[in-house]
PDB file of N, CA and C in Angstrom:
ATOM      1  N   UNK A   1       1.288   7.792   5.147  1.00  0.00           N
ATOM      2  CA  UNK A   1       1.580   6.484   5.912  1.00  0.00           C
ATOM      3  C   UNK A   1       1.124   5.268   4.605  1.00  0.00           C
ATOM      4  N   UNK A   2       1.749   4.262   4.601  1.00  0.00           N
ATOM      5  CA  UNK A   2       1.459   3.086   3.545  1.00  0.00           C
ATOM      6  C   UNK A   2       0.121   2.815   3.833  1.00  0.00           C
ATOM      7  N   UNK A   3      -0.564   2.076   2.763  1.00  0.00           N
ATOM      8  CA  UNK A   3      -1.867   1.665   3.278  1.00  0.00           C
ATOM      9  C   UNK A   3      -1.548   0.239   3.747  1.00  0.00           C
ATOM     10  N   UNK A   4      -2.146  -0.223   4.881  1.00  0.00           N
ATOM     11  CA  UNK A   4      -1.792  -1.294   5.364  1.00  0.00           C
ATOM     12  C   UNK A   4      -3.380  -1.908   6.151  1.00  0.00           C
ATOM     13  N   UNK A   5      -3.241  -2.855   6.114  1.00  0.00           N
ATOM     14  CA  UNK A   5      -4.782  -3.680   6.791  1.00  0.00           C
ATOM     15  C   UNK A   5      -4.347  -4.427   8.049  1.00  0.00           C
ATOM     16  N   UNK A   6      -5.326  -4.447   8.784  1.00  0.00           N
ATOM     17  CA  UNK A   6      -5.093  -5.261  10.169  1.00  0.00           C
ATOM     18  C   UNK A   6      -5.666  -6.679   9.857  1.00  0.00           C
ATOM     19  N   UNK A   7      -4.781  -7.373   9.855  1.00  0.00           N
ATOM     20  CA  UNK A   7      -5.063  -9.039   9.572  1.00  0.00           C
ATOM     21  C   UNK A   7      -4.197 -10.052  10.363  1.00  0.00           C
ATOM     22  N   UNK A   8      -5.199 -10.879  11.232  1.00  0.00           N
ATOM     23  CA  UNK A   8      -4.787 -11.704  11.964  1.00  0.00           C
ATOM     24  C   UNK A   8      -3.787 -12.575  11.717  1.00  0.00           C
ATOM     25  N   UNK A   9      -3.981 -12.595  10.357  1.00  0.00           N
ATOM     26  CA  UNK A   9      -2.810 -13.919   9.739  1.00  0.00           C
ATOM     27  C   UNK A   9      -2.013 -13.255   8.849  1.00  0.00           C
ATOM     28  N   UNK A  10      -1.662 -11.856   9.110  1.00  0.00           N
ATOM     29  CA  UNK A  10      -0.620 -11.314   8.565  1.00  0.00           C
ATOM     30  C   UNK A  10       0.811 -11.246   9.189  1.00  0.00           C
ATOM     31  N   UNK A  11       1.523 -10.325   8.510  1.00  0.00           N
ATOM     32  CA  UNK A  11       2.897 -10.010   9.087  1.00  0.00           C
ATOM     33  C   UNK A  11       3.021  -8.652   9.517  1.00  0.00           C
ATOM     34  N   UNK A  12       3.830  -8.652  10.453  1.00  0.00           N
ATOM     35  CA  UNK A  12       4.292  -7.095  10.926  1.00  0.00           C
ATOM     36  C   UNK A  12       5.023  -6.401   9.714  1.00  0.00           C
ATOM     37  N   UNK A  13       4.737  -5.469   9.322  1.00  0.00           N
ATOM     38  CA  UNK A  13       5.480  -4.568   8.365  1.00  0.00           C
ATOM     39  C   UNK A  13       7.025  -4.427   8.992  1.00  0.00           C
ATOM     40  N   UNK A  14       6.998  -4.127  10.245  1.00  0.00           N
ATOM     41  CA  UNK A  14       8.054  -3.923  10.957  1.00  0.00           C
ATOM     42  C   UNK A  14       9.267  -4.849  11.194  1.00  0.00           C
ATOM     43  N   UNK A  15       8.532  -6.087  10.948  1.00  0.00           N
ATOM     44  CA  UNK A  15       9.574  -7.158  10.992  1.00  0.00           C
ATOM     45  C   UNK A  15      10.405  -7.322   9.785  1.00  0.00           C
ATOM     46  N   UNK A  16       9.744  -6.613   8.832  1.00  0.00           N
ATOM     47  CA  UNK A  16      10.503  -6.658   7.310  1.00  0.00           C
ATOM     48  C   UNK A  16      11.882  -6.084   7.213  1.00  0.00           C
ATOM     49  N   UNK A  17      12.833  -6.958   6.691  1.00  0.00           N
ATOM     50  CA  UNK A  17      14.301  -6.370   6.575  1.00  0.00           C
ATOM     51  C   UNK A  17      14.095  -4.926   5.784  1.00  0.00           C
ATOM     52  N   UNK A  18      13.216  -4.728   4.937  1.00  0.00           N
ATOM     53  CA  UNK A  18      13.296  -3.464   4.190  1.00  0.00           C
ATOM     54  C   UNK A  18      12.699  -2.123   4.992  1.00  0.00           C
ATOM     55  N   UNK A  19      12.231  -2.773   6.197  1.00  0.00           N
ATOM     56  CA  UNK A  19      11.797  -1.600   7.104  1.00  0.00           C
ATOM     57  C   UNK A  19      12.820  -1.205   7.958  1.00  0.00           C
ATOM     58  N   UNK A  20      12.748   0.090   8.144  1.00  0.00           N
ATOM     59  CA  UNK A  20      14.234   0.607   8.892  1.00  0.00           C
ATOM     60  C   UNK A  20      13.655   1.876  10.030  1.00  0.00           C
ATOM     61  N   UNK A  21      13.931   2.163  10.966  1.00  0.00           N
ATOM     62  CA  UNK A  21      13.963   3.449  11.848  1.00  0.00           C
ATOM     63  C   UNK A  21      14.713   4.376  11.525  1.00  0.00           C
ATOM     64  N   UNK A  22      13.880   5.446  11.382  1.00  0.00           N
ATOM     65  CA  UNK A  22      14.954   7.008  11.252  1.00  0.00           C
ATOM     66  C   UNK A  22      14.101   8.004  12.176  1.00  0.00           C
ATOM     67  N   UNK A  23      14.785   8.310  13.005  1.00  0.00           N
ATOM     68  CA  UNK A  23      14.514   9.345  13.969  1.00  0.00           C
ATOM     69  C   UNK A  23      13.287   9.072  14.693  1.00  0.00           C
ATOM     70  N   UNK A  24      13.056   7.843  15.120  1.00  0.00           N
ATOM     71  CA  UNK A  24      12.100   7.087  15.830  1.00  0.00           C
ATOM     72  C   UNK A  24      10.914   6.923  15.060  1.00  0.00           C
ATOM     73  N   UNK A  25      10.891   6.886  13.936  1.00  0.00           N
ATOM     74  CA  UNK A  25       9.560   6.828  13.047  1.00  0.00           C
ATOM     75  C   UNK A  25      10.194   5.413  12.081  1.00  0.00           C
ATOM     76  N   UNK A  26       9.502   4.335  11.867  1.00  0.00           N
ATOM     77  CA  UNK A  26       9.564   3.278  11.085  1.00  0.00           C
ATOM     78  C   UNK A  26       9.108   3.855   9.611  1.00  0.00           C
ATOM     79  N   UNK A  27       9.939   3.110   8.597  1.00  0.00           N
ATOM     80  CA  UNK A  27       9.896   3.784   7.173  1.00  0.00           C
ATOM     81  C   UNK A  27      10.087   2.346   6.472  1.00  0.00           C
ATOM     82  N   UNK A  28       9.127   2.028   5.329  1.00  0.00           N
ATOM     83  CA  UNK A  28       9.597   1.172   4.132  1.00  0.00           C
ATOM     84  C   UNK A  28      10.343   1.782   3.346  1.00  0.00           C
ATOM     85  N   UNK A  29      11.436   1.244   2.800  1.00  0.00           N
ATOM     86  CA  UNK A  29      12.310   1.681   2.035  1.00  0.00           C
ATOM     87  C   UNK A  29      12.150   1.431   0.549  1.00  0.00           C
ATOM     88  N   UNK A  30      11.343   0.165   0.409  1.00  0.00           N
ATOM     89  CA  UNK A  30      10.681   0.238  -1.131  1.00  0.00           C
ATOM     90  C   UNK A  30       9.786   1.130  -1.364  1.00  0.00           C
ATOM     91  N   UNK A  31       8.611   1.460  -0.541  1.00  0.00           N
ATOM     92  CA  UNK A  31       7.599   2.472  -1.208  1.00  0.00           C
ATOM     93  C   UNK A  31       7.827   3.685  -0.495  1.00  0.00           C
ATOM     94  N   UNK A  32       8.803   4.085   0.292  1.00  0.00           N
ATOM     95  CA  UNK A  32       9.148   5.374   1.107  1.00  0.00           C
ATOM     96  C   UNK A  32       8.085   5.981   1.554  1.00  0.00           C
ATOM     97  N   UNK A  33       7.589   5.074   2.564  1.00  0.00           N
ATOM     98  CA  UNK A  33       6.509   5.559   3.304  1.00  0.00           C
ATOM     99  C   UNK A  33       6.442   5.300   4.786  1.00  0.00           C
ATOM    100  N   UNK A  34       5.808   5.801   5.876  1.00  0.00           N
ATOM    101  CA  UNK A  34       6.042   5.275   6.999  1.00  0.00           C
ATOM    102  C   UNK A  34       5.104   4.491   7.584  1.00  0.00           C
ATOM    103  N   UNK A  35       5.424   3.776   8.652  1.00  0.00           N
ATOM    104  CA  UNK A  35       4.872   2.484   8.752  1.00  0.00           C
ATOM    105  C   UNK A  35       4.261   2.737  10.417  1.00  0.00           C
ATOM    106  N   UNK A  36       2.749   2.434  10.619  1.00  0.00           N
ATOM    107  CA  UNK A  36       2.542   2.370  12.186  1.00  0.00           C
ATOM    108  C   UNK A  36       3.192   1.103  12.858  1.00  0.00           C
ATOM    109  N   UNK A  37       3.623   1.236  14.125  1.00  0.00           N
ATOM    110  CA  UNK A  37       3.995   0.321  14.677  1.00  0.00           C
ATOM    111  C   UNK A  37       3.563  -1.110  14.516  1.00  0.00           C
ATOM    112  N   UNK A  38       1.917  -0.884  14.695  1.00  0.00           N
ATOM    113  CA  UNK A  38       0.858  -1.763  14.789  1.00  0.00           C
ATOM    114  C   UNK A  38       0.391  -2.306  13.376  1.00  0.00           C
ATOM    115  N   UNK A  39       0.736  -1.905  12.242  1.00  0.00           N
ATOM    116  CA  UNK A  39       0.619  -2.049  10.697  1.00  0.00           C
ATOM    117  C   UNK A  39       0.795  -3.593  10.946  1.00  0.00           C
ATOM    118  N   UNK A  40      -0.157  -4.334  10.014  1.00  0.00           N
ATOM    119  CA  UNK A  40       0.129  -5.550   9.588  1.00  0.00           C
ATOM    120  C   UNK A  40      -0.277  -5.875   8.215  1.00  0.00           C
ATOM    121  N   UNK A  41       0.117  -6.623   7.587  1.00  0.00           N
ATOM    122  CA  UNK A  41      -0.390  -6.706   6.117  1.00  0.00           C
ATOM    123  C   UNK A  41      -0.393  -8.268   5.626  1.00  0.00           C
ATOM    124  N   UNK A  42      -1.486  -8.677   4.679  1.00  0.00           N
ATOM    125  CA  UNK A  42      -1.372 -10.107   4.512  1.00  0.00           C
ATOM    126  C   UNK A  42       0.037 -10.453   3.611  1.00  0.00           C
ATOM    127  N   UNK A  43       0.465 -11.794   3.889  1.00  0.00           N
ATOM    128  CA  UNK A  43       1.462 -11.985   3.653  1.00  0.00           C
ATOM    129  C   UNK A  43       1.827 -11.933   2.047  1.00  0.00           C
ATOM    130  N   UNK A  44       0.500 -12.338   1.188  1.00  0.00           N
ATOM    131  CA  UNK A  44       0.421 -12.277  -0.172  1.00  0.00           C
ATOM    132  C   UNK A  44       0.398 -10.820  -0.710  1.00  0.00           C
ATOM    133  N   UNK A  45       0.009  -9.870   0.292  1.00  0.00           N
ATOM    134  CA  UNK A  45      -0.210  -8.445  -0.205  1.00  0.00           C
ATOM    135  C   UNK A  45       1.253  -7.757  -0.735  1.00  0.00           C
ATOM    136  N   UNK A  46       2.069  -7.748  -0.077  1.00  0.00           N
ATOM    137  CA  UNK A  46       3.675  -7.384  -0.258  1.00  0.00           C
ATOM    138  C   UNK A  46       4.402  -8.523  -0.892  1.00  0.00           C
ATOM    139  N   UNK A  47       4.933  -8.410  -2.072  1.00  0.00           N
ATOM    140  CA  UNK A  47       5.934  -9.267  -2.583  1.00  0.00           C
ATOM    141  C   UNK A  47       7.239  -9.147  -2.298  1.00  0.00           C
ATOM    142  N   UNK A  48       7.801  -7.921  -1.513  1.00  0.00           N
ATOM    143  CA  UNK A  48       8.915  -7.814  -1.347  1.00  0.00           C
ATOM    144  C   UNK A  48       9.101  -8.008   0.307  1.00  0.00           C
ATOM    145  N   UNK A  49       8.141  -8.565   0.990  1.00  0.00           N
ATOM    146  CA  UNK A  49       8.551  -9.118   2.399  1.00  0.00           C
ATOM    147  C   UNK A  49       9.420  -9.816   2.461  1.00  0.00           C
ATOM    148  N   UNK A  50      10.370  -9.498   3.366  1.00  0.00           N
ATOM    149  CA  UNK A  50      11.850 -10.435   3.465  1.00  0.00           C
ATOM    150  C   UNK A  50      12.071 -10.367   5.133  1.00  0.00           C
ATOM    151  N   UNK A  51      12.164 -11.530   5.540  1.00  0.00           N
ATOM    152  CA  UNK A  51      12.681 -11.560   7.004  1.00  0.00           C
ATOM    153  C   UNK A  51      13.922 -11.067   7.038  1.00  0.00           C
ATOM    154  N   UNK A  52      14.230 -10.398   8.334  1.00  0.00           N
ATOM    155  CA  UNK A  52      15.542  -9.844   8.562  1.00  0.00           C
ATOM    156  C   UNK A  52      16.702 -10.798   8.470  1.00  0.00           C
ATOM    157  N   UNK A  53      17.817 -10.569   7.632  1.00  0.00           N
ATOM    158  CA  UNK A  53      18.759 -11.343   7.602  1.00  0.00           C
ATOM    159  C   UNK A  53      20.403 -11.089   8.146  1.00  0.00           C
ATOM    160  N   UNK A  54      20.699 -11.677   9.240  1.00  0.00           N
ATOM    161  CA  UNK A  54      21.955 -11.257  10.121  1.00  0.00           C
ATOM    162  C   UNK A  54      23.223 -11.853   9.612  1.00  0.00           C
ATOM    163  N   UNK A  55      24.185 -11.026   9.566  1.00  0.00           N
ATOM    164  CA  UNK A  55      25.657 -11.772   9.225  1.00  0.00           C
ATOM    165  C   UNK A  55      26.512 -10.962  10.288  1.00  0.00           C
ATOM    166  N   UNK A  56      27.268 -12.151  10.786  1.00  0.00           N
ATOM    167  CA  UNK A  56      27.842 -11.839  12.103  1.00  0.00           C
ATOM    168  C   UNK A  56      27.260 -10.998  13.106  1.00  0.00           C
ATOM    169  N   UNK A  57      26.199 -11.385  13.282  1.00  0.00           N
ATOM    170  CA  UNK A  57      25.384 -10.997  14.248  1.00  0.00           C
ATOM    171  C   UNK A  57      24.646  -9.696  14.541  1.00  0.00           C
ATOM    172  N   UNK A  58      24.978  -8.996  12.856  1.00  0.00           N
ATOM    173  CA  UNK A  58      24.384  -7.694  12.700  1.00  0.00           C
ATOM    174  C   UNK A  58      23.377  -8.039  11.534  1.00  0.00           C
ATOM    175  N   UNK A  59      21.958  -7.297  11.430  1.00  0.00           N
ATOM    176  CA  UNK A  59      21.341  -7.164  10.631  1.00  0.00           C
ATOM    177  C   UNK A  59      21.991  -6.598   9.355  1.00  0.00           C
ATOM    178  N   UNK A  60      21.438  -6.915   8.289  1.00  0.00           N
ATOM    179  CA  UNK A  60      21.786  -6.153   7.112  1.00  0.00           C
ATOM    180  C   UNK A  60      20.975  -4.835   6.787  1.00  0.00           C
ATOM    181  N   UNK A  61      21.208  -4.112   6.237  1.00  0.00           N
ATOM    182  CA  UNK A  61      20.536  -2.829   6.041  1.00  0.00           C
ATOM    183  C   UNK A  61      19.389  -2.933   5.113  1.00  0.00           C
ATOM    184  N   UNK A  62      18.444  -2.080   5.391  1.00  0.00           N
ATOM    185  CA  UNK A  62      17.250  -2.264   4.630  1.00  0.00           C
ATOM    186  C   UNK A  62      17.597  -2.151   3.070  1.00  0.00           C
ATOM    187  N   UNK A  63      18.309  -1.297   2.758  1.00  0.00           N
ATOM    188  CA  UNK A  63      18.696  -1.609   1.243  1.00  0.00           C
ATOM    189  C   UNK A  63      19.319  -2.558   0.816  1.00  0.00           C
ATOM    190  N   UNK A  64      20.343  -3.260   1.589  1.00  0.00           N
ATOM    191  CA  UNK A  64      20.563  -4.531   1.307  1.00  0.00           C
ATOM    192  C   UNK A  64      19.685  -5.728   1.192  1.00  0.00           C
ATOM    193  N   UNK A  65      18.601  -5.525   1.934  1.00  0.00           N
ATOM    194  CA  UNK A  65      17.427  -6.497   2.056  1.00  0.00           C
ATOM    195  C   UNK A  65      16.578  -6.185   0.764  1.00  0.00           C
ATOM    196  N   UNK A  66      16.310  -4.800   0.539  1.00  0.00           N
ATOM    197  CA  UNK A  66      15.601  -4.558  -0.626  1.00  0.00           C
ATOM    198  C   UNK A  66      16.315  -5.011  -2.017  1.00  0.00           C
ATOM    199  N   UNK A  67      17.720  -5.267  -2.198  1.00  0.00           N
ATOM    200  CA  UNK A  67      18.495  -5.612  -3.063  1.00  0.00           C
ATOM    201  C   UNK A  67      17.980  -7.046  -3.493  1.00  0.00           C
ATOM    202  N   UNK A  68      18.058  -7.793  -2.279  1.00  0.00           N
ATOM    203  CA  UNK A  68      18.066  -9.253  -2.325  1.00  0.00           C
ATOM    204  C   UNK A  68      16.578  -9.537  -2.730  1.00  0.00           C
ATOM    205  N   UNK A  69      15.542  -8.646  -2.179  1.00  0.00           N
ATOM    206  CA  UNK A  69      14.329  -8.980  -2.567  1.00  0.00           C
ATOM    207  C   UNK A  69      13.953  -8.777  -3.717  1.00  0.00           C
ATOM    208  N   UNK A  70      14.596  -7.843  -4.401  1.00  0.00           N
ATOM    209  CA  UNK A  70      14.208  -7.374  -5.956  1.00  0.00           C
ATOM    210  C   UNK A  70      14.879  -8.441  -6.604  1.00  0.00           C
ATOM    211  N   UNK A  71      16.296  -8.834  -6.312  1.00  0.00           N
ATOM    212  CA  UNK A  71      16.785  -9.883  -7.332  1.00  0.00           C
ATOM    213  C   UNK A  71      16.130 -11.418  -7.125  1.00  0.00           C
ATOM    214  N   UNK A  72      15.383 -11.746  -5.954  1.00  0.00           N
ATOM    215  CA  UNK A  72      14.844 -12.930  -5.746  1.00  0.00           C
ATOM    216  C   UNK A  72      13.388 -12.706  -6.754  1.00  0.00           C
ATOM    217  N   UNK A  73      12.756 -11.471  -6.631  1.00  0.00           N
ATOM    218  CA  UNK A  73      11.794 -11.440  -7.581  1.00  0.00           C
ATOM    219  C   UNK A  73      11.613 -11.693  -8.984  1.00  0.00           C
ATOM    220  N   UNK A  74      12.820 -10.964  -9.366  1.00  0.00           N
ATOM    221  CA  UNK A  74      13.350 -10.970 -10.669  1.00  0.00           C
ATOM    222  C   UNK A  74      13.565 -12.392 -11.381  1.00  0.00           C
ATOM    223  N   UNK A  75      14.285 -13.212 -10.397  1.00  0.00           N
ATOM    224  CA  UNK A  75      14.680 -14.473 -10.774  1.00  0.00           C
ATOM    225  C   UNK A  75      13.452 -15.300 -10.972  1.00  0.00           C
ATOM    226  N   UNK A  76      12.464 -15.044  -9.938  1.00  0.00           N
ATOM    227  CA  UNK A  76      11.248 -16.059 -10.211  1.00  0.00           C
ATOM    228  C   UNK A  76      10.463 -15.267 -11.481  1.00  0.00           C
ATOM    229  N   UNK A  77      10.561 -14.492 -11.957  1.00  0.00           N
ATOM    230  CA  UNK A  77       9.981 -13.890 -13.230  1.00  0.00           C
ATOM    231  C   UNK A  77      10.423 -14.630 -14.463  1.00  0.00           C
ATOM    232  N   UNK A  78      11.772 -15.107 -14.181  1.00  0.00           N
ATOM    233  CA  UNK A  78      12.570 -15.632 -15.459  1.00  0.00           C
ATOM    234  C   UNK A  78      12.106 -17.144 -15.481  1.00  0.00           C
ATOM    235  N   UNK A  79      11.772 -17.632 -14.395  1.00  0.00           N
ATOM    236  CA  UNK A  79      11.340 -19.112 -14.423  1.00  0.00           C
ATOM    237  C   UNK A  79      10.028 -19.254 -14.860  1.00  0.00           C
ATOM    238  N   UNK A  80       9.824 -20.091 -15.484  1.00  0.00           N
ATOM    239  CA  UNK A  80       8.549 -20.207 -16.432  1.00  0.00           C
ATOM    240  C   UNK A  80       8.628 -21.284 -17.494  1.00  0.00           C
ATOM    241  N   UNK A  81       7.292 -21.432 -18.212  1.00  0.00           N
ATOM    242  CA  UNK A  81       7.369 -22.469 -19.507  1.00  0.00           C
ATOM    243  C   UNK A  81       8.117 -21.809 -20.442  1.00  0.00           C
ATOM    244  N   UNK A  82       8.783 -22.782 -21.188  1.00  0.00           N
ATOM    245  CA  UNK A  82       9.736 -22.182 -22.138  1.00  0.00           C
ATOM    246  C   UNK A  82       8.937 -22.681 -23.465  1.00  0.00           C
TER     247      UNK A  82
END
């Protein structure tokens, strides 16, 4: 299981777009680990956290969310002082 901390100011990992359910078990597709339903992590502890995005009433897949999150992170690294 992924290391998670209980944090009242945290976010639920299950609410992340990168999390998905397989055979009744929640999984993080970035870190390839299982997630407890009550697991919370501090907002700043996981740079890949992304809220679920819906298109035509259907959520994007965890893989699509992961791709979007990775692209956003890489674009942030490109911005900086010249």
